[in-house]
mmCIF file of all heavy atoms, coordinates in Angstrom:
data_MODEL
# 
_entry.id   MODEL 
# 
loop_
_atom_site.group_PDB 
_atom_site.id 
_atom_site.type_symbol 
_atom_site.label_atom_id 
_atom_site.label_alt_id 
_atom_site.label_comp_id 
_atom_site.label_asym_id 
_atom_site.label_entity_id 
_atom_site.label_seq_id 
_atom_site.pdbx_PDB_ins_code 
_atom_site.Cartn_x 
_atom_site.Cartn_y 
_atom_site.Cartn_z 
_atom_site.occupancy 
_atom_site.B_iso_or_equiv 
_atom_site.pdbx_formal_charge 
_atom_site.auth_seq_id 
_atom_site.auth_comp_id 
_atom_site.auth_asym_id 
_atom_site.auth_atom_id 
_atom_site.pdbx_PDB_model_num 
ATOM 1   N N   . ILE A 1 1  ? 76.148 53.803 190.246 1.00 0.00 ? 1  ILE A N   1 
ATOM 2   C CA  . ILE A 1 1  ? 75.109 53.362 191.183 1.00 0.00 ? 1  ILE A CA  1 
ATOM 3   C C   . ILE A 1 1  ? 75.678 53.298 192.595 1.00 0.00 ? 1  ILE A C   1 
ATOM 4   O O   . ILE A 1 1  ? 75.042 53.740 193.561 1.00 0.00 ? 1  ILE A O   1 
ATOM 5   C CB  . ILE A 1 1  ? 74.558 51.978 190.754 1.00 0.00 ? 1  ILE A CB  1 
ATOM 6   C CG1 . ILE A 1 1  ? 73.777 52.091 189.439 1.00 0.00 ? 1  ILE A CG1 1 
ATOM 7   C CG2 . ILE A 1 1  ? 73.667 51.394 191.850 1.00 0.00 ? 1  ILE A CG2 1 
ATOM 8   C CD1 . ILE A 1 1  ? 73.367 50.763 188.857 1.00 0.00 ? 1  ILE A CD1 1 
ATOM 9   N N   . LYS A 1 2  ? 76.880 52.770 192.706 1.00 0.00 ? 2  LYS A N   1 
ATOM 10  C CA  . LYS A 1 2  ? 77.538 52.618 194.012 1.00 0.00 ? 2  LYS A CA  1 
ATOM 11  C C   . LYS A 1 2  ? 77.735 53.955 194.701 1.00 0.00 ? 2  LYS A C   1 
ATOM 12  O O   . LYS A 1 2  ? 77.530 54.073 195.921 1.00 0.00 ? 2  LYS A O   1 
ATOM 13  C CB  . LYS A 1 2  ? 78.880 51.918 193.821 1.00 0.00 ? 2  LYS A CB  1 
ATOM 14  C CG  . LYS A 1 2  ? 79.674 51.710 195.099 1.00 0.00 ? 2  LYS A CG  1 
ATOM 15  C CD  . LYS A 1 2  ? 80.986 50.982 194.809 1.00 0.00 ? 2  LYS A CD  1 
ATOM 16  C CE  . LYS A 1 2  ? 81.808 50.795 196.072 1.00 0.00 ? 2  LYS A CE  1 
ATOM 17  N NZ  . LYS A 1 2  ? 83.080 50.065 195.780 1.00 0.00 ? 2  LYS A NZ  1 
ATOM 18  N N   . TYR A 1 3  ? 78.122 54.984 193.934 1.00 0.00 ? 3  TYR A N   1 
ATOM 19  C CA  . TYR A 1 3  ? 78.444 56.287 194.518 1.00 0.00 ? 3  TYR A CA  1 
ATOM 20  C C   . TYR A 1 3  ? 77.364 57.341 194.275 1.00 0.00 ? 3  TYR A C   1 
ATOM 21  O O   . TYR A 1 3  ? 77.593 58.522 194.523 1.00 0.00 ? 3  TYR A O   1 
ATOM 22  C CB  . TYR A 1 3  ? 79.790 56.784 193.978 1.00 0.00 ? 3  TYR A CB  1 
ATOM 23  C CG  . TYR A 1 3  ? 80.948 55.918 194.410 1.00 0.00 ? 3  TYR A CG  1 
ATOM 24  C CD1 . TYR A 1 3  ? 81.565 55.045 193.508 1.00 0.00 ? 3  TYR A CD1 1 
ATOM 25  C CD2 . TYR A 1 3  ? 81.410 55.953 195.716 1.00 0.00 ? 3  TYR A CD2 1 
ATOM 26  C CE1 . TYR A 1 3  ? 82.622 54.241 193.903 1.00 0.00 ? 3  TYR A CE1 1 
ATOM 27  C CE2 . TYR A 1 3  ? 82.465 55.146 196.118 1.00 0.00 ? 3  TYR A CE2 1 
ATOM 28  C CZ  . TYR A 1 3  ? 83.065 54.295 195.215 1.00 0.00 ? 3  TYR A CZ  1 
ATOM 29  O OH  . TYR A 1 3  ? 84.109 53.494 195.611 1.00 0.00 ? 3  TYR A OH  1 
ATOM 30  N N   . ASN A 1 4  ? 76.202 56.884 193.800 1.00 0.00 ? 4  ASN A N   1 
ATOM 31  C CA  . ASN A 1 4  ? 75.065 57.778 193.586 1.00 0.00 ? 4  ASN A CA  1 
ATOM 32  C C   . ASN A 1 4  ? 75.412 58.939 192.644 1.00 0.00 ? 4  ASN A C   1 
ATOM 33  O O   . ASN A 1 4  ? 75.156 60.108 192.939 1.00 0.00 ? 4  ASN A O   1 
ATOM 34  C CB  . ASN A 1 4  ? 74.563 58.324 194.929 1.00 0.00 ? 4  ASN A CB  1 
ATOM 35  C CG  . ASN A 1 4  ? 73.176 58.950 194.813 1.00 0.00 ? 4  ASN A CG  1 
ATOM 36  O OD1 . ASN A 1 4  ? 72.376 58.546 193.957 1.00 0.00 ? 4  ASN A OD1 1 
ATOM 37  N ND2 . ASN A 1 4  ? 72.887 59.931 195.659 1.00 0.00 ? 4  ASN A ND2 1 
ATOM 38  N N   . ILE A 1 5  ? 76.008 58.595 191.504 1.00 0.00 ? 5  ILE A N   1 
ATOM 39  C CA  . ILE A 1 5  ? 76.384 59.567 190.484 1.00 0.00 ? 5  ILE A CA  1 
ATOM 40  C C   . ILE A 1 5  ? 75.434 59.417 189.293 1.00 0.00 ? 5  ILE A C   1 
ATOM 41  O O   . ILE A 1 5  ? 75.131 58.299 188.871 1.00 0.00 ? 5  ILE A O   1 
ATOM 42  C CB  . ILE A 1 5  ? 77.840 59.351 190.008 1.00 0.00 ? 5  ILE A CB  1 
ATOM 43  C CG1 . ILE A 1 5  ? 78.807 59.368 191.195 1.00 0.00 ? 5  ILE A CG1 1 
ATOM 44  C CG2 . ILE A 1 5  ? 78.223 60.392 188.968 1.00 0.00 ? 5  ILE A CG2 1 
ATOM 45  C CD1 . ILE A 1 5  ? 78.903 60.683 191.908 1.00 0.00 ? 5  ILE A CD1 1 
ATOM 46  N N   . LYS A 1 6  ? 74.980 60.515 188.747 1.00 0.00 ? 6  LYS A N   1 
ATOM 47  C CA  . LYS A 1 6  ? 74.046 60.491 187.624 1.00 0.00 ? 6  LYS A CA  1 
ATOM 48  C C   . LYS A 1 6  ? 74.749 60.062 186.340 1.00 0.00 ? 6  LYS A C   1 
ATOM 49  O O   . LYS A 1 6  ? 75.860 60.513 186.060 1.00 0.00 ? 6  LYS A O   1 
ATOM 50  C CB  . LYS A 1 6  ? 73.433 61.879 187.432 1.00 0.00 ? 6  LYS A CB  1 
ATOM 51  C CG  . LYS A 1 6  ? 72.343 61.953 186.368 1.00 0.00 ? 6  LYS A CG  1 
ATOM 52  C CD  . LYS A 1 6  ? 71.076 61.260 186.808 1.00 0.00 ? 6  LYS A CD  1 
ATOM 53  C CE  . LYS A 1 6  ? 69.953 61.472 185.812 1.00 0.00 ? 6  LYS A CE  1 
ATOM 54  N NZ  . LYS A 1 6  ? 68.713 60.773 186.226 1.00 0.00 ? 6  LYS A NZ  1 
ATOM 55  N N   . TRP A 1 7  ? 74.117 59.184 185.561 1.00 0.00 ? 7  TRP A N   1 
ATOM 56  C CA  . TRP A 1 7  ? 74.672 58.794 184.268 1.00 0.00 ? 7  TRP A CA  1 
ATOM 57  C C   . TRP A 1 7  ? 73.570 58.793 183.213 1.00 0.00 ? 7  TRP A C   1 
ATOM 58  O O   . TRP A 1 7  ? 72.391 58.722 183.517 1.00 0.00 ? 7  TRP A O   1 
ATOM 59  C CB  . TRP A 1 7  ? 75.327 57.419 184.347 1.00 0.00 ? 7  TRP A CB  1 
ATOM 60  C CG  . TRP A 1 7  ? 74.379 56.262 184.183 1.00 0.00 ? 7  TRP A CG  1 
ATOM 61  C CD1 . TRP A 1 7  ? 73.999 55.640 183.012 1.00 0.00 ? 7  TRP A CD1 1 
ATOM 62  C CD2 . TRP A 1 7  ? 73.648 55.597 185.225 1.00 0.00 ? 7  TRP A CD2 1 
ATOM 63  N NE1 . TRP A 1 7  ? 73.097 54.645 183.266 1.00 0.00 ? 7  TRP A NE1 1 
ATOM 64  C CE2 . TRP A 1 7  ? 72.866 54.589 184.607 1.00 0.00 ? 7  TRP A CE2 1 
ATOM 65  C CE3 . TRP A 1 7  ? 73.593 55.745 186.611 1.00 0.00 ? 7  TRP A CE3 1 
ATOM 66  C CZ2 . TRP A 1 7  ? 72.030 53.742 185.351 1.00 0.00 ? 7  TRP A CZ2 1 
ATOM 67  C CZ3 . TRP A 1 7  ? 72.762 54.921 187.341 1.00 0.00 ? 7  TRP A CZ3 1 
ATOM 68  C CH2 . TRP A 1 7  ? 72.003 53.935 186.713 1.00 0.00 ? 7  TRP A CH2 1 
ATOM 69  N N   . PHE A 1 8  ? 74.000 58.890 181.957 1.00 0.00 ? 8  PHE A N   1 
ATOM 70  C CA  . PHE A 1 8  ? 73.077 58.843 180.827 1.00 0.00 ? 8  PHE A CA  1 
ATOM 71  C C   . PHE A 1 8  ? 73.638 57.874 179.791 1.00 0.00 ? 8  PHE A C   1 
ATOM 72  O O   . PHE A 1 8  ? 74.815 57.947 179.439 1.00 0.00 ? 8  PHE A O   1 
ATOM 73  C CB  . PHE A 1 8  ? 72.907 60.229 180.192 1.00 0.00 ? 8  PHE A CB  1 
ATOM 74  C CG  . PHE A 1 8  ? 72.201 61.215 181.077 1.00 0.00 ? 8  PHE A CG  1 
ATOM 75  C CD1 . PHE A 1 8  ? 72.915 61.964 182.011 1.00 0.00 ? 8  PHE A CD1 1 
ATOM 76  C CD2 . PHE A 1 8  ? 70.832 61.393 180.994 1.00 0.00 ? 8  PHE A CD2 1 
ATOM 77  C CE1 . PHE A 1 8  ? 72.271 62.875 182.832 1.00 0.00 ? 8  PHE A CE1 1 
ATOM 78  C CE2 . PHE A 1 8  ? 70.179 62.305 181.815 1.00 0.00 ? 8  PHE A CE2 1 
ATOM 79  C CZ  . PHE A 1 8  ? 70.903 63.048 182.731 1.00 0.00 ? 8  PHE A CZ  1 
ATOM 80  N N   . ASP A 1 9  ? 72.789 56.976 179.301 1.00 0.00 ? 9  ASP A N   1 
ATOM 81  C CA  . ASP A 1 9  ? 73.188 56.077 178.229 1.00 0.00 ? 9  ASP A CA  1 
ATOM 82  C C   . ASP A 1 9  ? 72.951 56.786 176.895 1.00 0.00 ? 9  ASP A C   1 
ATOM 83  O O   . ASP A 1 9  ? 71.824 57.126 176.547 1.00 0.00 ? 9  ASP A O   1 
ATOM 84  C CB  . ASP A 1 9  ? 72.376 54.778 178.279 1.00 0.00 ? 9  ASP A CB  1 
ATOM 85  C CG  . ASP A 1 9  ? 72.789 53.891 179.444 1.00 0.00 ? 9  ASP A CG  1 
ATOM 86  O OD1 . ASP A 1 9  ? 73.997 53.839 179.731 1.00 0.00 ? 9  ASP A OD1 1 
ATOM 87  O OD2 . ASP A 1 9  ? 71.916 53.260 180.055 1.00 0.00 ? 9  ASP A OD2 1 
ATOM 88  N N   . ILE A 1 10 ? 74.022 57.015 176.156 1.00 0.00 ? 10 ILE A N   1 
ATOM 89  C CA  . ILE A 1 10 ? 73.944 57.715 174.876 1.00 0.00 ? 10 ILE A CA  1 
ATOM 90  C C   . ILE A 1 10 ? 73.929 56.667 173.768 1.00 0.00 ? 10 ILE A C   1 
ATOM 91  O O   . ILE A 1 10 ? 74.963 56.178 173.334 1.00 0.00 ? 10 ILE A O   1 
ATOM 92  C CB  . ILE A 1 10 ? 75.153 58.665 174.691 1.00 0.00 ? 10 ILE A CB  1 
ATOM 93  C CG1 . ILE A 1 10 ? 75.326 59.551 175.924 1.00 0.00 ? 10 ILE A CG1 1 
ATOM 94  C CG2 . ILE A 1 10 ? 74.997 59.486 173.431 1.00 0.00 ? 10 ILE A CG2 1 
ATOM 95  C CD1 . ILE A 1 10 ? 74.175 60.493 176.181 1.00 0.00 ? 10 ILE A CD1 1 
ATOM 96  N N   . ASP A 1 11 ? 72.722 56.300 173.322 1.00 0.00 ? 11 ASP A N   1 
ATOM 97  C CA  . ASP A 1 11 ? 72.620 55.266 172.302 1.00 0.00 ? 11 ASP A CA  1 
ATOM 98  C C   . ASP A 1 11 ? 71.893 55.808 171.072 1.00 0.00 ? 11 ASP A C   1 
ATOM 99  O O   . ASP A 1 11 ? 72.185 56.921 170.636 1.00 0.00 ? 11 ASP A O   1 
ATOM 100 C CB  . ASP A 1 11 ? 71.922 54.027 172.871 1.00 0.00 ? 11 ASP A CB  1 
ATOM 101 C CG  . ASP A 1 11 ? 70.707 54.402 173.727 1.00 0.00 ? 11 ASP A CG  1 
ATOM 102 O OD1 . ASP A 1 11 ? 70.026 55.378 173.378 1.00 0.00 ? 11 ASP A OD1 1 
ATOM 103 O OD2 . ASP A 1 11 ? 70.453 53.716 174.732 1.00 0.00 ? 11 ASP A OD2 1 
ATOM 104 N N   . GLU A 1 12 ? 70.947 55.040 170.509 1.00 0.00 ? 12 GLU A N   1 
ATOM 105 C CA  . GLU A 1 12 ? 70.267 55.487 169.302 1.00 0.00 ? 12 GLU A CA  1 
ATOM 106 C C   . GLU A 1 12 ? 69.505 56.797 169.501 1.00 0.00 ? 12 GLU A C   1 
ATOM 107 O O   . GLU A 1 12 ? 69.309 57.562 168.564 1.00 0.00 ? 12 GLU A O   1 
ATOM 108 C CB  . GLU A 1 12 ? 69.303 54.399 168.796 1.00 0.00 ? 12 GLU A CB  1 
ATOM 109 C CG  . GLU A 1 12 ? 69.975 53.289 168.020 1.00 0.00 ? 12 GLU A CG  1 
ATOM 110 C CD  . GLU A 1 12 ? 70.648 52.270 168.935 1.00 0.00 ? 12 GLU A CD  1 
ATOM 111 O OE1 . GLU A 1 12 ? 70.562 52.442 170.175 1.00 0.00 ? 12 GLU A OE1 1 
ATOM 112 O OE2 . GLU A 1 12 ? 71.254 51.324 168.416 1.00 0.00 ? 12 GLU A OE2 1 
ATOM 113 N N   . GLN A 1 13 ? 69.036 57.065 170.696 1.00 0.00 ? 13 GLN A N   1 
ATOM 114 C CA  . GLN A 1 13 ? 68.332 58.313 170.993 1.00 0.00 ? 13 GLN A CA  1 
ATOM 115 C C   . GLN A 1 13 ? 69.294 59.324 171.608 1.00 0.00 ? 13 GLN A C   1 
ATOM 116 O O   . GLN A 1 13 ? 68.967 60.035 172.541 1.00 0.00 ? 13 GLN A O   1 
ATOM 117 C CB  . GLN A 1 13 ? 67.170 58.042 171.948 1.00 0.00 ? 13 GLN A CB  1 
ATOM 118 C CG  . GLN A 1 13 ? 66.078 57.167 171.355 1.00 0.00 ? 13 GLN A CG  1 
ATOM 119 C CD  . GLN A 1 13 ? 64.941 56.941 172.335 1.00 0.00 ? 13 GLN A CD  1 
ATOM 120 O OE1 . GLN A 1 13 ? 65.154 56.637 173.510 1.00 0.00 ? 13 GLN A OE1 1 
ATOM 121 N NE2 . GLN A 1 13 ? 63.724 57.093 171.861 1.00 0.00 ? 13 GLN A NE2 1 
ATOM 122 N N   . TRP A 1 14 ? 70.482 59.397 171.030 1.00 0.00 ? 14 TRP A N   1 
ATOM 123 C CA  . TRP A 1 14 ? 71.554 60.174 171.649 1.00 0.00 ? 14 TRP A CA  1 
ATOM 124 C C   . TRP A 1 14 ? 71.200 61.649 171.778 1.00 0.00 ? 14 TRP A C   1 
ATOM 125 O O   . TRP A 1 14 ? 71.592 62.299 172.746 1.00 0.00 ? 14 TRP A O   1 
ATOM 126 C CB  . TRP A 1 14 ? 72.855 60.003 170.869 1.00 0.00 ? 14 TRP A CB  1 
ATOM 127 C CG  . TRP A 1 14 ? 72.880 60.653 169.519 1.00 0.00 ? 14 TRP A CG  1 
ATOM 128 C CD1 . TRP A 1 14 ? 72.521 60.094 168.342 1.00 0.00 ? 14 TRP A CD1 1 
ATOM 129 C CD2 . TRP A 1 14 ? 73.284 61.994 169.219 1.00 0.00 ? 14 TRP A CD2 1 
ATOM 130 N NE1 . TRP A 1 14 ? 72.661 60.993 167.317 1.00 0.00 ? 14 TRP A NE1 1 
ATOM 131 C CE2 . TRP A 1 14 ? 73.136 62.168 167.827 1.00 0.00 ? 14 TRP A CE2 1 
ATOM 132 C CE3 . TRP A 1 14 ? 73.760 63.054 169.987 1.00 0.00 ? 14 TRP A CE3 1 
ATOM 133 C CZ2 . TRP A 1 14 ? 73.439 63.359 167.182 1.00 0.00 ? 14 TRP A CZ2 1 
ATOM 134 C CZ3 . TRP A 1 14 ? 74.065 64.244 169.344 1.00 0.00 ? 14 TRP A CZ3 1 
ATOM 135 C CH2 . TRP A 1 14 ? 73.907 64.389 167.970 1.00 0.00 ? 14 TRP A CH2 1 
ATOM 136 N N   . GLU A 1 15 ? 70.463 62.223 170.831 1.00 0.00 ? 15 GLU A N   1 
ATOM 137 C CA  . GLU A 1 15 ? 70.121 63.650 170.918 1.00 0.00 ? 15 GLU A CA  1 
ATOM 138 C C   . GLU A 1 15 ? 69.244 63.925 172.133 1.00 0.00 ? 15 GLU A C   1 
ATOM 139 O O   . GLU A 1 15 ? 69.446 64.910 172.847 1.00 0.00 ? 15 GLU A O   1 
ATOM 140 C CB  . GLU A 1 15 ? 69.422 64.100 169.637 1.00 0.00 ? 15 GLU A CB  1 
ATOM 141 C CG  . GLU A 1 15 ? 70.335 64.156 168.427 1.00 0.00 ? 15 GLU A CG  1 
ATOM 142 C CD  . GLU A 1 15 ? 69.663 64.806 167.230 1.00 0.00 ? 15 GLU A CD  1 
ATOM 143 O OE1 . GLU A 1 15 ? 68.801 65.684 167.431 1.00 0.00 ? 15 GLU A OE1 1 
ATOM 144 O OE2 . GLU A 1 15 ? 69.999 64.433 166.100 1.00 0.00 ? 15 GLU A OE2 1 
ATOM 145 N N   . ILE A 1 16 ? 68.284 63.039 172.378 1.00 0.00 ? 16 ILE A N   1 
ATOM 146 C CA  . ILE A 1 16 ? 67.390 63.191 173.536 1.00 0.00 ? 16 ILE A CA  1 
ATOM 147 C C   . ILE A 1 16 ? 68.181 63.009 174.828 1.00 0.00 ? 16 ILE A C   1 
ATOM 148 O O   . ILE A 1 16 ? 68.066 63.810 175.773 1.00 0.00 ? 16 ILE A O   1 
ATOM 149 C CB  . ILE A 1 16 ? 66.236 62.182 173.463 1.00 0.00 ? 16 ILE A CB  1 
ATOM 150 C CG1 . ILE A 1 16 ? 65.357 62.459 172.238 1.00 0.00 ? 16 ILE A CG1 1 
ATOM 151 C CG2 . ILE A 1 16 ? 65.401 62.228 174.747 1.00 0.00 ? 16 ILE A CG2 1 
ATOM 152 C CD1 . ILE A 1 16 ? 64.265 61.428 172.023 1.00 0.00 ? 16 ILE A CD1 1 
ATOM 153 N N   . LYS A 1 17 ? 69.001 61.950 174.884 1.00 0.00 ? 17 LYS A N   1 
ATOM 154 C CA  . LYS A 1 17 ? 69.776 61.666 176.101 1.00 0.00 ? 17 LYS A CA  1 
ATOM 155 C C   . LYS A 1 17 ? 70.816 62.757 176.361 1.00 0.00 ? 17 LYS A C   1 
ATOM 156 O O   . LYS A 1 17 ? 71.035 63.176 177.502 1.00 0.00 ? 17 LYS A O   1 
ATOM 157 C CB  . LYS A 1 17 ? 70.471 60.307 175.961 1.00 0.00 ? 17 LYS A CB  1 
ATOM 158 C CG  . LYS A 1 17 ? 69.529 59.144 175.713 1.00 0.00 ? 17 LYS A CG  1 
ATOM 159 C CD  . LYS A 1 17 ? 68.670 58.861 176.927 1.00 0.00 ? 17 LYS A CD  1 
ATOM 160 C CE  . LYS A 1 17 ? 67.786 57.651 176.704 1.00 0.00 ? 17 LYS A CE  1 
ATOM 161 N NZ  . LYS A 1 17 ? 68.536 56.406 176.521 1.00 0.00 ? 17 LYS A NZ  1 
ATOM 162 N N   . TRP A 1 18 ? 71.461 63.208 175.284 1.00 0.00 ? 18 TRP A N   1 
ATOM 163 C CA  . TRP A 1 18 ? 72.499 64.230 175.407 1.00 0.00 ? 18 TRP A CA  1 
ATOM 164 C C   . TRP A 1 18 ? 71.898 65.541 175.912 1.00 0.00 ? 18 TRP A C   1 
ATOM 165 O O   . TRP A 1 18 ? 72.463 66.208 176.778 1.00 0.00 ? 18 TRP A O   1 
ATOM 166 C CB  . TRP A 1 18 ? 73.165 64.417 174.048 1.00 0.00 ? 18 TRP A CB  1 
ATOM 167 C CG  . TRP A 1 18 ? 74.447 65.168 174.054 1.00 0.00 ? 18 TRP A CG  1 
ATOM 168 C CD1 . TRP A 1 18 ? 75.691 64.680 174.337 1.00 0.00 ? 18 TRP A CD1 1 
ATOM 169 C CD2 . TRP A 1 18 ? 74.629 66.552 173.741 1.00 0.00 ? 18 TRP A CD2 1 
ATOM 170 N NE1 . TRP A 1 18 ? 76.633 65.683 174.215 1.00 0.00 ? 18 TRP A NE1 1 
ATOM 171 C CE2 . TRP A 1 18 ? 76.006 66.833 173.846 1.00 0.00 ? 18 TRP A CE2 1 
ATOM 172 C CE3 . TRP A 1 18 ? 73.764 67.576 173.370 1.00 0.00 ? 18 TRP A CE3 1 
ATOM 173 C CZ2 . TRP A 1 18 ? 76.525 68.095 173.608 1.00 0.00 ? 18 TRP A CZ2 1 
ATOM 174 C CZ3 . TRP A 1 18 ? 74.273 68.837 173.130 1.00 0.00 ? 18 TRP A CZ3 1 
ATOM 175 C CH2 . TRP A 1 18 ? 75.653 69.086 173.255 1.00 0.00 ? 18 TRP A CH2 1 
ATOM 176 N N   . THR A 1 19 ? 70.722 65.896 175.379 1.00 0.00 ? 19 THR A N   1 
ATOM 177 C CA  . THR A 1 19 ? 70.022 67.105 175.833 1.00 0.00 ? 19 THR A CA  1 
ATOM 178 C C   . THR A 1 19 ? 69.583 66.964 177.285 1.00 0.00 ? 19 THR A C   1 
ATOM 179 O O   . THR A 1 19 ? 69.644 67.924 178.064 1.00 0.00 ? 19 THR A O   1 
ATOM 180 C CB  . THR A 1 19 ? 68.799 67.382 174.942 1.00 0.00 ? 19 THR A CB  1 
ATOM 181 O OG1 . THR A 1 19 ? 69.233 67.550 173.585 1.00 0.00 ? 19 THR A OG1 1 
ATOM 182 C CG2 . THR A 1 19 ? 68.067 68.641 175.389 1.00 0.00 ? 19 THR A CG2 1 
ATOM 183 N N   . SER A 1 20 ? 69.171 65.758 177.651 1.00 0.00 ? 20 SER A N   1 
ATOM 184 C CA  . SER A 1 20 ? 68.783 65.503 179.045 1.00 0.00 ? 20 SER A CA  1 
ATOM 185 C C   . SER A 1 20 ? 69.969 65.697 179.981 1.00 0.00 ? 20 SER A C   1 
ATOM 186 O O   . SER A 1 20 ? 69.823 66.246 181.074 1.00 0.00 ? 20 SER A O   1 
ATOM 187 C CB  . SER A 1 20 ? 68.229 64.078 179.197 1.00 0.00 ? 20 SER A CB  1 
ATOM 188 O OG  . SER A 1 20 ? 67.046 63.913 178.447 1.00 0.00 ? 20 SER A OG  1 
ATOM 189 N N   . ALA A 1 21 ? 71.148 65.253 179.544 1.00 0.00 ? 21 ALA A N   1 
ATOM 190 C CA  . ALA A 1 21 ? 72.358 65.429 180.355 1.00 0.00 ? 21 ALA A CA  1 
ATOM 191 C C   . ALA A 1 21 ? 72.672 66.912 180.519 1.00 0.00 ? 21 ALA A C   1 
ATOM 192 O O   . ALA A 1 21 ? 73.017 67.372 181.617 1.00 0.00 ? 21 ALA A O   1 
ATOM 193 C CB  . ALA A 1 21 ? 73.535 64.699 179.704 1.00 0.00 ? 21 ALA A CB  1 
ATOM 194 N N   . TYR A 1 22 ? 72.552 67.663 179.437 1.00 0.00 ? 22 TYR A N   1 
ATOM 195 C CA  . TYR A 1 22 ? 72.804 69.111 179.481 1.00 0.00 ? 22 TYR A CA  1 
ATOM 196 C C   . TYR A 1 22 ? 71.825 69.800 180.438 1.00 0.00 ? 22 TYR A C   1 
ATOM 197 O O   . TYR A 1 22 ? 72.237 70.599 181.299 1.00 0.00 ? 22 TYR A O   1 
ATOM 198 C CB  . TYR A 1 22 ? 72.668 69.693 178.073 1.00 0.00 ? 22 TYR A CB  1 
ATOM 199 C CG  . TYR A 1 22 ? 72.699 71.201 178.022 1.00 0.00 ? 22 TYR A CG  1 
ATOM 200 C CD1 . TYR A 1 22 ? 73.906 71.891 178.044 1.00 0.00 ? 22 TYR A CD1 1 
ATOM 201 C CD2 . TYR A 1 22 ? 71.514 71.937 177.968 1.00 0.00 ? 22 TYR A CD2 1 
ATOM 202 C CE1 . TYR A 1 22 ? 73.940 73.271 178.006 1.00 0.00 ? 22 TYR A CE1 1 
ATOM 203 C CE2 . TYR A 1 22 ? 71.537 73.324 177.930 1.00 0.00 ? 22 TYR A CE2 1 
ATOM 204 C CZ  . TYR A 1 22 ? 72.743 73.987 177.943 1.00 0.00 ? 22 TYR A CZ  1 
ATOM 205 O OH  . TYR A 1 22 ? 72.774 75.364 177.918 1.00 0.00 ? 22 TYR A OH  1 
ATOM 206 N N   . ASN A 1 23 ? 70.543 69.484 180.304 1.00 0.00 ? 23 ASN A N   1 
ATOM 207 C CA  . ASN A 1 23 ? 69.531 70.106 181.170 1.00 0.00 ? 23 ASN A CA  1 
ATOM 208 C C   . ASN A 1 23 ? 69.735 69.735 182.631 1.00 0.00 ? 23 ASN A C   1 
ATOM 209 O O   . ASN A 1 23 ? 69.544 70.563 183.531 1.00 0.00 ? 23 ASN A O   1 
ATOM 210 C CB  . ASN A 1 23 ? 68.130 69.685 180.716 1.00 0.00 ? 23 ASN A CB  1 
ATOM 211 C CG  . ASN A 1 23 ? 67.736 70.294 179.383 1.00 0.00 ? 23 ASN A CG  1 
ATOM 212 O OD1 . ASN A 1 23 ? 68.235 71.354 178.995 1.00 0.00 ? 23 ASN A OD1 1 
ATOM 213 N ND2 . ASN A 1 23 ? 66.850 69.636 178.662 1.00 0.00 ? 23 ASN A ND2 1 
ATOM 214 N N   . PHE A 1 24 ? 70.140 68.498 182.875 1.00 0.00 ? 24 PHE A N   1 
ATOM 215 C CA  . PHE A 1 24 ? 70.402 68.055 184.245 1.00 0.00 ? 24 PHE A CA  1 
ATOM 216 C C   . PHE A 1 24 ? 71.503 68.898 184.876 1.00 0.00 ? 24 PHE A C   1 
ATOM 217 O O   . PHE A 1 24 ? 71.372 69.368 186.007 1.00 0.00 ? 24 PHE A O   1 
ATOM 218 C CB  . PHE A 1 24 ? 70.783 66.578 184.270 1.00 0.00 ? 24 PHE A CB  1 
ATOM 219 C CG  . PHE A 1 24 ? 71.270 66.102 185.602 1.00 0.00 ? 24 PHE A CG  1 
ATOM 220 C CD1 . PHE A 1 24 ? 70.380 65.761 186.603 1.00 0.00 ? 24 PHE A CD1 1 
ATOM 221 C CD2 . PHE A 1 24 ? 72.639 65.996 185.866 1.00 0.00 ? 24 PHE A CD2 1 
ATOM 222 C CE1 . PHE A 1 24 ? 70.829 65.335 187.853 1.00 0.00 ? 24 PHE A CE1 1 
ATOM 223 C CE2 . PHE A 1 24 ? 73.099 65.570 187.101 1.00 0.00 ? 24 PHE A CE2 1 
ATOM 224 C CZ  . PHE A 1 24 ? 72.194 65.232 188.100 1.00 0.00 ? 24 PHE A CZ  1 
ATOM 225 N N   . ILE A 1 25 ? 72.580 69.098 184.143 1.00 0.00 ? 25 ILE A N   1 
ATOM 226 C CA  . ILE A 1 25 ? 73.705 69.872 184.676 1.00 0.00 ? 25 ILE A CA  1 
ATOM 227 C C   . ILE A 1 25 ? 73.295 71.306 184.956 1.00 0.00 ? 25 ILE A C   1 
ATOM 228 O O   . ILE A 1 25 ? 73.578 71.854 186.030 1.00 0.00 ? 25 ILE A O   1 
ATOM 229 C CB  . ILE A 1 25 ? 74.893 69.838 183.698 1.00 0.00 ? 25 ILE A CB  1 
ATOM 230 C CG1 . ILE A 1 25 ? 75.478 68.436 183.630 1.00 0.00 ? 25 ILE A CG1 1 
ATOM 231 C CG2 . ILE A 1 25 ? 75.978 70.835 184.125 1.00 0.00 ? 25 ILE A CG2 1 
ATOM 232 C CD1 . ILE A 1 25 ? 76.547 68.259 182.578 1.00 0.00 ? 25 ILE A CD1 1 
ATOM 233 N N   . VAL A 1 26 ? 72.629 71.947 183.995 1.00 0.00 ? 26 VAL A N   1 
ATOM 234 C CA  . VAL A 1 26 ? 72.222 73.342 184.167 1.00 0.00 ? 26 VAL A CA  1 
ATOM 235 C C   . VAL A 1 26 ? 71.299 73.492 185.377 1.00 0.00 ? 26 VAL A C   1 
ATOM 236 O O   . VAL A 1 26 ? 71.453 74.426 186.181 1.00 0.00 ? 26 VAL A O   1 
ATOM 237 C CB  . VAL A 1 26 ? 71.525 73.865 182.888 1.00 0.00 ? 26 VAL A CB  1 
ATOM 238 C CG1 . VAL A 1 26 ? 70.904 75.240 183.135 1.00 0.00 ? 26 VAL A CG1 1 
ATOM 239 C CG2 . VAL A 1 26 ? 72.531 73.936 181.736 1.00 0.00 ? 26 VAL A CG2 1 
ATOM 240 N N   . ASN A 1 27 ? 70.365 72.578 185.532 1.00 0.00 ? 27 ASN A N   1 
ATOM 241 C CA  . ASN A 1 27 ? 69.443 72.638 186.667 1.00 0.00 ? 27 ASN A CA  1 
ATOM 242 C C   . ASN A 1 27 ? 70.167 72.392 187.987 1.00 0.00 ? 27 ASN A C   1 
ATOM 243 O O   . ASN A 1 27 ? 69.884 73.063 188.993 1.00 0.00 ? 27 ASN A O   1 
ATOM 244 C CB  . ASN A 1 27 ? 68.316 71.603 186.488 1.00 0.00 ? 27 ASN A CB  1 
ATOM 245 C CG  . ASN A 1 27 ? 67.375 71.948 185.357 1.00 0.00 ? 27 ASN A CG  1 
ATOM 246 O OD1 . ASN A 1 27 ? 67.210 73.126 185.015 1.00 0.00 ? 27 ASN A OD1 1 
ATOM 247 N ND2 . ASN A 1 27 ? 66.748 70.952 184.759 1.00 0.00 ? 27 ASN A ND2 1 
# 
């Protein structure tokens, strides 16, 4: 938050969050 860096919480919905992280990077 301090350095304006994107993060994803990988918890019970890890497949959705993990895919979101992948799509974010590619975009």
